[in-house]
Protein backbone atom coordinates (compact mmCIF):
# COMPACT_ATOMS: atom_id res chain seq x y z
CA MET A 1 0.00 0.00 0.00
CA LYS A 2 2.81 2.37 0.89
CA ARG A 3 4.55 1.70 -2.41
CA LEU A 4 1.29 2.21 -4.30
CA LEU A 5 0.71 5.52 -2.54
CA GLN A 6 4.22 6.69 -3.30
CA ALA A 7 3.82 5.70 -6.95
CA SER A 8 0.49 7.52 -7.17
CA LEU A 9 1.96 10.66 -5.65
CA GLY A 10 4.89 10.48 -8.03
CA ILE A 11 2.64 10.17 -11.09
CA GLY A 12 0.46 12.99 -9.80
CA SER A 13 3.49 15.28 -9.45
CA ILE A 14 4.64 14.47 -12.97
CA LEU A 15 1.18 15.19 -14.40
CA ALA A 16 0.94 18.48 -12.49
CA ALA A 17 4.35 19.54 -13.79
CA ALA A 18 3.39 18.53 -17.33
CA VAL A 19 0.15 20.52 -17.22
CA SER A 20 1.98 23.57 -15.84
CA TRP A 21 4.61 23.33 -18.58
CA TYR A 22 1.94 22.97 -21.26
CA ALA A 23 -0.05 25.97 -19.97
CA TRP A 24 3.04 28.18 -19.67
CA ARG A 25 5.25 27.18 -22.60
CA ILE A 26 3.07 25.46 -25.21
CA GLU A 27 -0.49 26.78 -25.16
CA THR A 28 0.64 30.39 -24.93
CA ARG A 29 2.21 30.08 -28.39
CA TRP A 30 -1.12 29.29 -30.03
CA LEU A 31 -2.96 32.22 -31.52
CA HIS A 32 -6.55 31.73 -32.64
CA VAL A 33 -8.68 34.41 -34.32
CA ASN A 34 -12.37 33.93 -33.57
CA HIS A 35 -14.85 35.85 -35.74
CA LEU A 36 -18.13 36.57 -33.94
CA THR A 37 -21.12 38.51 -35.25
CA PHE A 38 -23.52 40.22 -32.84
CA ALA A 39 -26.93 41.69 -33.64
CA LEU A 40 -27.14 44.66 -31.27
CA PRO A 41 -30.55 46.22 -30.57
CA GLY A 42 -30.81 49.86 -31.54
CA LEU A 43 -27.45 49.98 -33.30
CA PRO A 44 -27.28 53.11 -35.53
CA PRO A 45 -27.24 52.26 -39.26
CA ALA A 46 -23.79 53.77 -39.85
CA PHE A 47 -22.29 51.20 -37.48
CA ASP A 48 -23.73 48.18 -39.28
CA GLY A 49 -20.74 45.93 -39.99
CA TYR A 50 -18.49 47.80 -37.54
CA ARG A 51 -15.44 45.63 -36.76
CA ILE A 52 -13.88 45.43 -33.28
CA ALA A 53 -10.70 43.51 -32.52
CA HIS A 54 -10.71 42.37 -28.89
CA ILE A 55 -7.55 41.12 -27.16
CA SER A 56 -6.99 40.44 -23.48
CA ASP A 57 -4.70 38.95 -20.83
CA LEU A 58 -1.42 39.20 -22.70
CA HIS A 59 0.55 38.92 -19.42
CA LEU A 60 3.53 40.39 -21.17
CA SER A 61 5.98 39.89 -18.34
CA ALA A 62 6.22 36.23 -19.40
CA ARG A 63 9.21 35.87 -21.75
CA ILE A 64 7.40 33.65 -24.22
CA ILE A 65 4.68 36.28 -24.66
CA ARG A 66 7.21 39.07 -25.19
CA GLU A 67 8.70 37.08 -28.05
CA HIS A 68 5.22 36.38 -29.44
CA LEU A 69 3.82 39.94 -29.18
CA PRO A 70 4.89 41.16 -32.66
CA HIS A 71 3.00 38.22 -34.18
CA VAL A 72 -0.09 39.14 -32.15
CA VAL A 73 0.10 42.76 -33.30
CA THR A 74 0.55 41.78 -36.94
CA THR A 75 -2.39 39.38 -36.76
CA VAL A 76 -4.68 42.00 -35.20
CA ASN A 77 -3.74 44.65 -37.77
CA ARG A 78 -4.27 42.18 -40.61
CA GLU A 79 -7.94 41.94 -39.60
CA GLN A 80 -8.32 45.67 -40.39
CA PRO A 81 -10.66 46.44 -37.48
CA ASP A 82 -12.42 49.78 -37.08
CA LEU A 83 -11.54 49.70 -33.39
CA ILE A 84 -9.10 47.75 -31.21
CA VAL A 85 -9.90 47.12 -27.55
CA SER A 86 -7.97 45.32 -24.83
CA THR A 87 -9.49 44.27 -21.52
CA GLY A 88 -6.40 44.24 -19.35
CA ASP A 89 -3.77 42.16 -17.59
CA TYR A 90 -0.89 43.39 -19.70
CA VAL A 91 1.53 42.33 -16.96
CA THR A 92 1.62 39.48 -14.46
CA HIS A 93 3.55 40.60 -11.38
CA HIS A 94 5.87 43.46 -12.31
CA GLN A 95 5.84 46.25 -14.87
CA ASP A 96 9.61 46.88 -14.91
CA SER A 97 10.18 45.27 -18.31
CA PHE A 98 6.88 46.50 -19.73
CA TRP A 99 8.59 49.51 -21.37
CA GLU A 100 10.42 47.11 -23.67
CA LEU A 101 7.07 46.22 -25.22
CA CYS A 102 6.00 49.78 -25.94
CA PRO A 103 7.30 49.83 -29.57
CA ALA A 104 5.39 46.65 -30.45
CA LEU A 105 2.15 47.82 -28.81
CA ALA A 106 2.48 51.16 -30.61
CA GLU A 107 2.16 49.31 -33.94
CA LEU A 108 -1.51 48.47 -33.29
CA ARG A 109 -3.58 50.37 -35.85
CA ALA A 110 -7.31 51.13 -36.16
CA PRO A 111 -9.21 54.19 -37.46
CA ASP A 112 -10.99 54.69 -34.12
CA GLY A 113 -7.89 53.97 -32.07
CA VAL A 114 -6.86 51.48 -29.42
CA TRP A 115 -8.72 51.56 -26.10
CA SER A 116 -8.23 49.63 -22.89
CA VAL A 117 -9.21 48.92 -19.31
CA LEU A 118 -6.92 47.60 -16.58
CA GLY A 119 -6.83 44.04 -15.27
CA ASN A 120 -6.34 42.97 -11.67
CA HIS A 121 -2.67 42.17 -12.32
CA ASP A 122 -2.11 45.64 -13.82
CA VAL A 123 -3.49 47.34 -10.71
CA ALA A 124 -1.52 45.08 -8.38
CA ALA A 125 1.72 45.74 -10.28
CA GLY A 126 1.13 49.50 -10.37
CA ALA A 127 -1.72 51.02 -12.36
CA ASP A 128 -0.03 54.38 -12.99
CA ALA A 129 3.15 52.75 -14.34
CA VAL A 130 1.19 50.46 -16.65
CA MET A 131 -0.95 53.35 -17.87
CA ASP A 132 2.19 55.41 -18.61
CA VAL A 133 3.40 52.68 -20.96
CA LEU A 134 0.00 52.34 -22.61
CA HIS A 135 -0.18 56.11 -23.10
CA ALA A 136 3.29 56.14 -24.66
CA ALA A 137 2.12 53.39 -27.04
CA GLY A 138 -0.93 55.44 -28.04
CA ILE A 139 -3.39 53.25 -26.13
CA HIS A 140 -6.19 55.09 -24.32
CA THR A 141 -7.19 53.77 -20.89
CA LEU A 142 -10.75 54.09 -19.59
CA ARG A 143 -11.27 53.97 -15.81
CA ASN A 144 -14.94 54.67 -15.12
CA GLN A 145 -14.99 56.80 -18.27
CA HIS A 146 -16.58 56.79 -21.70
CA HIS A 147 -15.75 57.92 -25.22
CA THR A 148 -18.04 58.71 -28.16
CA LEU A 149 -17.51 56.94 -31.48
CA GLN A 150 -18.95 58.71 -34.50
CA ARG A 151 -19.84 57.76 -38.05
CA GLY A 152 -21.40 60.72 -39.87
CA ASP A 153 -24.37 61.79 -37.75
CA ASP A 154 -24.56 58.46 -35.90
CA THR A 155 -22.82 57.78 -32.59
CA ILE A 156 -22.29 54.96 -30.12
CA THR A 157 -20.52 55.03 -26.78
CA LEU A 158 -17.43 53.07 -25.77
CA ALA A 159 -17.15 52.83 -21.98
CA GLY A 160 -14.64 51.27 -19.61
CA ILE A 161 -15.05 50.21 -15.98
CA ASP A 162 -12.23 50.39 -13.43
CA ASN A 163 -10.95 46.98 -12.39
CA VAL A 164 -13.58 45.12 -10.40
CA LEU A 165 -11.27 43.13 -8.11
CA ARG A 166 -8.69 45.78 -7.22
CA GLY A 167 -10.11 49.09 -8.41
CA LYS A 168 -13.22 51.16 -7.77
CA PRO A 169 -15.76 50.19 -10.45
CA ASP A 170 -18.62 52.65 -10.83
CA LEU A 171 -21.08 52.13 -13.68
CA THR A 172 -23.07 55.28 -12.77
CA ALA A 173 -19.99 57.48 -13.02
CA THR A 174 -18.85 55.70 -16.17
CA LEU A 175 -22.09 56.40 -18.03
CA ASN A 176 -22.71 59.85 -16.57
CA GLY A 177 -23.78 62.12 -19.42
CA VAL A 178 -24.48 59.31 -21.89
CA PRO A 179 -27.94 59.96 -23.44
CA ALA A 180 -30.66 57.43 -22.68
CA ASP A 181 -31.00 56.45 -26.35
CA HIS A 182 -27.28 55.77 -26.89
CA ARG A 183 -25.98 52.23 -27.38
CA VAL A 184 -23.02 51.44 -25.12
CA ILE A 185 -20.22 48.91 -25.64
CA LEU A 186 -18.70 48.27 -22.23
CA LEU A 187 -15.15 47.11 -21.50
CA VAL A 188 -14.69 45.26 -18.20
CA HIS A 189 -11.80 42.97 -17.30
CA GLU A 190 -13.97 40.60 -15.24
CA PRO A 191 -16.86 38.99 -17.16
CA ASP A 192 -19.13 38.43 -14.16
CA TYR A 193 -19.70 42.20 -13.97
CA ALA A 194 -22.33 41.57 -16.65
CA ARG A 195 -24.88 40.99 -13.87
CA ILE A 196 -24.50 44.64 -12.93
CA ALA A 197 -24.06 46.05 -16.42
CA ALA A 198 -27.20 44.34 -17.75
CA VAL A 199 -29.36 46.46 -15.47
CA ASP A 200 -28.62 49.51 -17.62
CA GLU A 201 -30.50 49.22 -20.92
CA ARG A 202 -27.97 51.40 -22.70
CA VAL A 203 -25.36 48.63 -22.43
CA VAL A 204 -25.87 46.27 -25.39
CA LEU A 205 -22.48 44.54 -25.39
CA GLN A 206 -19.84 43.80 -22.76
CA LEU A 207 -16.34 42.67 -23.73
CA SER A 208 -14.21 41.02 -21.03
CA GLY A 209 -11.19 38.82 -20.46
CA HIS A 210 -9.81 37.48 -17.15
CA ALA A 211 -10.85 33.84 -17.69
CA HIS A 212 -8.18 33.25 -20.40
CA GLY A 213 -10.73 31.51 -22.58
CA GLY A 214 -10.38 28.32 -20.56
CA GLN A 215 -6.59 28.18 -21.07
CA ILE A 216 -6.10 26.03 -17.96
CA ARG A 217 -8.95 23.55 -17.66
CA PHE A 218 -8.73 19.93 -16.65
CA PRO A 219 -10.69 17.51 -18.86
CA GLY A 220 -13.91 16.30 -17.28
CA LEU A 221 -14.00 19.03 -14.64
CA LYS A 222 -16.00 22.23 -14.54
CA PRO A 223 -14.13 25.45 -15.49
């Protein structure tokens, strides 16, 4: 029995190490582009077919991601989006090496710009420092703020909530001044904020990250 237990523990340790290696060194190299089409109620006619590129959770302090970032940027730009948004977690623990990535991030291109909110790791590592890098790269950060997107006489609102876990999220402040008939696209790092956002009828779409798209999920178990 003792030998069996020791063998089981040994196999378990090997499997855990293998899964960790896969999640850190293998899966992070895969880049998938998912094309989704949403029918948004009340969307102004000029925005029919409007294309948004959404990226999230780059965790750029990981060496493998730093090497992969130019490929990510090239892939996003190739899609020719009208707008690029990112829903946070640019860093993992520290922002010291984040400045190295500024030139690559600055290559993101879209007619309506690149807009972002902060993730929980960004706030923990130092929100102001991360925002300084994003600003230098031409990326606009929304923290309980909104921005108007315009096509001719038609407009929609892009809004961003401060980080839910480590910031001070305030939907009322974020949408203050947004007309009642405006359609709002909301950026929030944490997806479960949708329970709160759905109460406001102006919000027709929420874009979030945080869950890594199920990057680390054991077969047969719930996410």
